[in-house]
C-alpha atoms as a PDB file:
ATOM      1  CA  MET A   1     119.033  78.393  80.065  1.00  0.00           C
ATOM      2  CA  ASP A   2     122.229  79.624  81.670  1.00  0.00           C
ATOM      3  CA  LEU A   3     121.100  82.324  84.140  1.00  0.00           C
ATOM      4  CA  SER A   4     124.652  83.430  84.824  1.00  0.00           C
ATOM      5  CA  ILE A   5     124.665  85.433  81.604  1.00  0.00           C
ATOM      6  CA  LEU A   6     121.781  87.672  82.753  1.00  0.00           C
ATOM      7  CA  SER A   7     122.683  90.980  84.296  1.00  0.00           C
ATOM      8  CA  LEU A   8     120.613  92.972  86.763  1.00  0.00           C
ATOM      9  CA  ASP A   9     119.725  95.268  83.882  1.00  0.00           C
ATOM     10  CA  ASP A  10     117.858  92.353  82.302  1.00  0.00           C
ATOM     11  CA  ALA A  11     115.631  91.895  85.351  1.00  0.00           C
ATOM     12  CA  LEU A  12     112.007  92.831  85.112  1.00  0.00           C
ATOM     13  CA  PRO A  13     111.018  95.866  87.187  1.00  0.00           C
ATOM     14  CA  VAL A  14     109.264  95.119  90.478  1.00  0.00           C
ATOM     15  CA  ARG A  15     105.636  96.078  90.156  1.00  0.00           C
ATOM     16  CA  TYR A  16     103.767  97.532  93.109  1.00  0.00           C
ATOM     17  CA  VAL A  17     100.611  95.590  93.887  1.00  0.00           C
ATOM     18  CA  GLU A  18      98.025  97.368  96.001  1.00  0.00           C
ATOM     19  CA  PRO A  19      97.485  95.497  99.247  1.00  0.00           C
ATOM     20  CA  PRO A  20      93.879  94.395  99.897  1.00  0.00           C
ATOM     21  CA  VAL A  21      93.929  96.406 103.114  1.00  0.00           C
ATOM     22  CA  ILE A  22      93.432  99.595 101.097  1.00  0.00           C
ATOM     23  CA  GLY A  23      90.038  98.492  99.816  1.00  0.00           C
ATOM     24  CA  GLN A  24      89.011  97.031 103.162  1.00  0.00           C
ATOM     25  CA  LEU A  25      90.004 100.149 105.071  1.00  0.00           C
ATOM     26  CA  THR A  26      88.357 102.434 102.527  1.00  0.00           C
ATOM     27  CA  GLU A  27      85.091 100.492 102.727  1.00  0.00           C
ATOM     28  CA  ALA A  28      85.100 100.544 106.539  1.00  0.00           C
ATOM     29  CA  SER A  29      85.833 104.293 106.528  1.00  0.00           C
ATOM     30  CA  ALA A  30      83.028 105.026 104.086  1.00  0.00           C
ATOM     31  CA  SER A  31      80.531 103.052 106.151  1.00  0.00           C
ATOM     32  CA  GLY A  32      81.553 104.769 109.388  1.00  0.00           C
ATOM     33  CA  ASN A  33      82.574 101.555 111.137  1.00  0.00           C
ATOM     34  CA  PHE A  34      85.183 102.872 113.572  1.00  0.00           C
ATOM     35  CA  SER A  35      85.960  99.586 115.297  1.00  0.00           C
ATOM     36  CA  LYS A  36      86.523  97.886 111.941  1.00  0.00           C
ATOM     37  CA  VAL A  37      88.784 100.718 110.754  1.00  0.00           C
ATOM     38  CA  GLN A  38      90.744 100.445 113.981  1.00  0.00           C
ATOM     39  CA  ALA A  39      91.097  96.671 113.721  1.00  0.00           C
ATOM     40  CA  ILE A  40      92.104  96.652 110.042  1.00  0.00           C
ATOM     41  CA  LEU A  41      94.679  99.406 110.372  1.00  0.00           C
ATOM     42  CA  SER A  42      96.170  98.134 113.618  1.00  0.00           C
ATOM     43  CA  GLN A  43      96.597  94.651 112.220  1.00  0.00           C
ATOM     44  CA  PHE A  44      98.083  95.977 108.979  1.00  0.00           C
ATOM     45  CA  LEU A  45     100.557  98.311 110.682  1.00  0.00           C
ATOM     46  CA  ALA A  46     101.728  95.529 113.007  1.00  0.00           C
ATOM     47  CA  GLN A  47     103.130  93.637 110.008  1.00  0.00           C
ATOM     48  CA  PRO A  48     106.061  94.550 107.766  1.00  0.00           C
ATOM     49  CA  ALA A  49     104.867  96.882 104.993  1.00  0.00           C
ATOM     50  CA  PRO A  50     104.645  95.463 101.465  1.00  0.00           C
ATOM     51  CA  LYS A  51     107.466  96.552  99.158  1.00  0.00           C
ATOM     52  CA  GLY A  52     106.759 100.008  97.787  1.00  0.00           C
ATOM     53  CA  PHE A  53     103.947 100.746 100.229  1.00  0.00           C
ATOM     54  CA  GLN A  54     103.704 104.137 101.933  1.00  0.00           C
ATOM     55  CA  LEU A  55     101.138 105.479 104.387  1.00  0.00           C
ATOM     56  CA  GLU A  56     100.100 107.968 101.684  1.00  0.00           C
ATOM     57  CA  ASP A  57      98.608 104.960  99.880  1.00  0.00           C
ATOM     58  CA  LEU A  58      95.890 104.895 102.553  1.00  0.00           C
ATOM     59  CA  VAL A  59      94.742 108.466 101.920  1.00  0.00           C
ATOM     60  CA  VAL A  60      91.726 107.074 100.024  1.00  0.00           C
ATOM     61  CA  ALA A  61      90.416 105.720 103.330  1.00  0.00           C
ATOM     62  CA  LEU A  62      90.878 109.153 104.907  1.00  0.00           C
ATOM     63  CA  ALA A  63      89.107 110.718 101.939  1.00  0.00           C
ATOM     64  CA  GLU A  64      86.073 108.481 102.474  1.00  0.00           C
ATOM     65  CA  ALA A  65      85.975 109.457 106.139  1.00  0.00           C
ATOM     66  CA  VAL A  66      86.157 113.145 105.195  1.00  0.00           C
ATOM     67  CA  TYR A  67      83.564 112.899 102.388  1.00  0.00           C
ATOM     68  CA  ASN A  68      81.157 111.156 104.752  1.00  0.00           C
ATOM     69  CA  ASN A  69      81.957 113.495 107.673  1.00  0.00           C
ATOM     70  CA  HIS A  70      83.149 110.635 109.889  1.00  0.00           C
ATOM     71  CA  VAL A  71      85.233 112.861 112.153  1.00  0.00           C
ATOM     72  CA  LYS A  72      86.199 110.139 114.629  1.00  0.00           C
ATOM     73  CA  ILE A  73      87.515 107.894 111.851  1.00  0.00           C
ATOM     74  CA  ALA A  74      89.326 110.750 110.111  1.00  0.00           C
ATOM     75  CA  SER A  75      90.917 111.742 113.407  1.00  0.00           C
ATOM     76  CA  TYR A  76      92.066 108.186 114.056  1.00  0.00           C
ATOM     77  CA  LEU A  77      93.549 107.799 110.573  1.00  0.00           C
ATOM     78  CA  VAL A  78      95.426 111.092 110.822  1.00  0.00           C
ATOM     79  CA  SER A  79      96.706 110.170 114.291  1.00  0.00           C
ATOM     80  CA  ARG A  80      98.133 106.949 112.809  1.00  0.00           C
ATOM     81  CA  GLY A  81     100.123 108.927 110.237  1.00  0.00           C
ATOM     82  CA  ILE A  82      97.887 109.008 107.185  1.00  0.00           C
ATOM     83  CA  PRO A  83      98.523 112.464 105.747  1.00  0.00           C
ATOM     84  CA  MET A  84      95.904 115.102 105.076  1.00  0.00           C
ATOM     85  CA  ASN A  85      96.000 116.831 101.733  1.00  0.00           C
ATOM     86  CA  ILE A  86      94.789 120.082 100.267  1.00  0.00           C
ATOM     87  CA  GLU A  87      91.886 118.466  98.391  1.00  0.00           C
ATOM     88  CA  LEU A  88      90.416 117.054 101.596  1.00  0.00           C
ATOM     89  CA  PHE A  89      90.853 120.405 103.315  1.00  0.00           C
ATOM     90  CA  ARG A  90      89.097 122.073 100.376  1.00  0.00           C
ATOM     91  CA  HIS A  91      86.223 119.582 100.509  1.00  0.00           C
ATOM     92  CA  ALA A  92      85.747 120.110 104.242  1.00  0.00           C
ATOM     93  CA  THR A  93      85.699 123.867 103.665  1.00  0.00           C
ATOM     94  CA  GLN A  94      83.191 123.700 100.822  1.00  0.00           C
ATOM     95  CA  THR A  95      80.847 121.375 102.722  1.00  0.00           C
ATOM     96  CA  LYS A  96      81.289 123.254 106.006  1.00  0.00           C
ATOM     97  CA  SER A  97      82.407 120.103 107.788  1.00  0.00           C
ATOM     98  CA  TYR A  98      83.478 121.960 110.903  1.00  0.00           C
ATOM     99  CA  GLY A  99      84.607 118.850 112.781  1.00  0.00           C
ATOM    100  CA  ILE A 100      86.883 117.883 109.888  1.00  0.00           C
ATOM    101  CA  LEU A 101      88.174 121.447 109.592  1.00  0.00           C
ATOM    102  CA  GLN A 102      88.979 121.454 113.307  1.00  0.00           C
ATOM    103  CA  LEU A 103      90.850 118.189 112.848  1.00  0.00           C
ATOM    104  CA  PHE A 104      92.920 119.745 110.078  1.00  0.00           C
ATOM    105  CA  LEU A 105      93.609 122.815 112.210  1.00  0.00           C
ATOM    106  CA  ASP A 106      94.654 120.612 115.120  1.00  0.00           C
ATOM    107  CA  HIS A 107      97.162 118.904 112.821  1.00  0.00           C
ATOM    108  CA  GLY A 108      98.727 122.023 111.326  1.00  0.00           C
ATOM    109  CA  GLY A 109      96.265 123.148 108.654  1.00  0.00           C
ATOM    110  CA  ASN A 110      96.306 126.902 108.028  1.00  0.00           C
ATOM    111  CA  ILE A 111      92.913 128.490 107.320  1.00  0.00           C
ATOM    112  CA  ASN A 112      94.588 131.722 106.212  1.00  0.00           C
ATOM    113  CA  GLU A 113      96.805 130.175 103.544  1.00  0.00           C
ATOM    114  CA  PRO A 114      95.426 130.158  99.983  1.00  0.00           C
ATOM    115  CA  LEU A 115      94.734 126.638  98.736  1.00  0.00           C
ATOM    116  CA  SER A 116      96.252 127.427  95.345  1.00  0.00           C
ATOM    117  CA  HIS A 117      97.031 130.368  93.078  1.00  0.00           C
ATOM    118  CA  THR A 118      93.400 130.486  91.998  1.00  0.00           C
ATOM    119  CA  MET A 119      91.707 129.267  95.181  1.00  0.00           C
ATOM    120  CA  PRO A 120      91.363 131.567  98.193  1.00  0.00           C
ATOM    121  CA  SER A 121      92.114 130.502 101.739  1.00  0.00           C
ATOM    122  CA  PRO A 122      89.556 128.331 103.559  1.00  0.00           C
ATOM    123  CA  LEU A 123      88.669 131.275 105.806  1.00  0.00           C
ATOM    124  CA  MET A 124      88.034 133.485 102.775  1.00  0.00           C
ATOM    125  CA  GLN A 125      85.920 130.742 101.163  1.00  0.00           C
ATOM    126  CA  VAL A 126      83.716 130.574 104.263  1.00  0.00           C
ATOM    127  CA  MET A 127      83.376 134.375 104.285  1.00  0.00           C
ATOM    128  CA  LEU A 128      82.445 134.405 100.589  1.00  0.00           C
ATOM    129  CA  SER A 129      79.857 131.653 101.071  1.00  0.00           C
ATOM    130  CA  LEU A 130      78.299 133.544 103.993  1.00  0.00           C
ATOM    131  CA  ASP A 131      78.043 136.625 101.779  1.00  0.00           C
ATOM    132  CA  GLN A 132      76.335 134.573  99.062  1.00  0.00           C
ATOM    133  CA  GLU A 133      73.893 133.033 101.560  1.00  0.00           C
ATOM    134  CA  ALA A 134      72.985 136.467 102.911  1.00  0.00           C
ATOM    135  CA  ALA A 135      72.270 137.800  99.410  1.00  0.00           C
END
């Protein structure tokens, strides 16, 4: 076949393939293995990133750290540039994970800002839950 007749428009789109590091890092975060998280992420970040990869792709590892209240791991991941998101902030508020909430505050989270149009601020959620516990 004469390839010279193909244009760039005929090329197949490049498909993003999730690097194995995401699963490995997520598993280490969930289990609370700080040294393994540190080793996996350091090694991964020392190499050129796969095409299409962004640090946001590793937020699942941060989520596992938050869900399991592994503050040290969550802090490390955030310090390496993995972004926090509103869902993780909401989870930490609902589960009263004060170490995780402090981490979010230390990195610019605002406890007075509503989480959404229908969700009150984290501070208001804590106040409402205290009222419910007292009742």
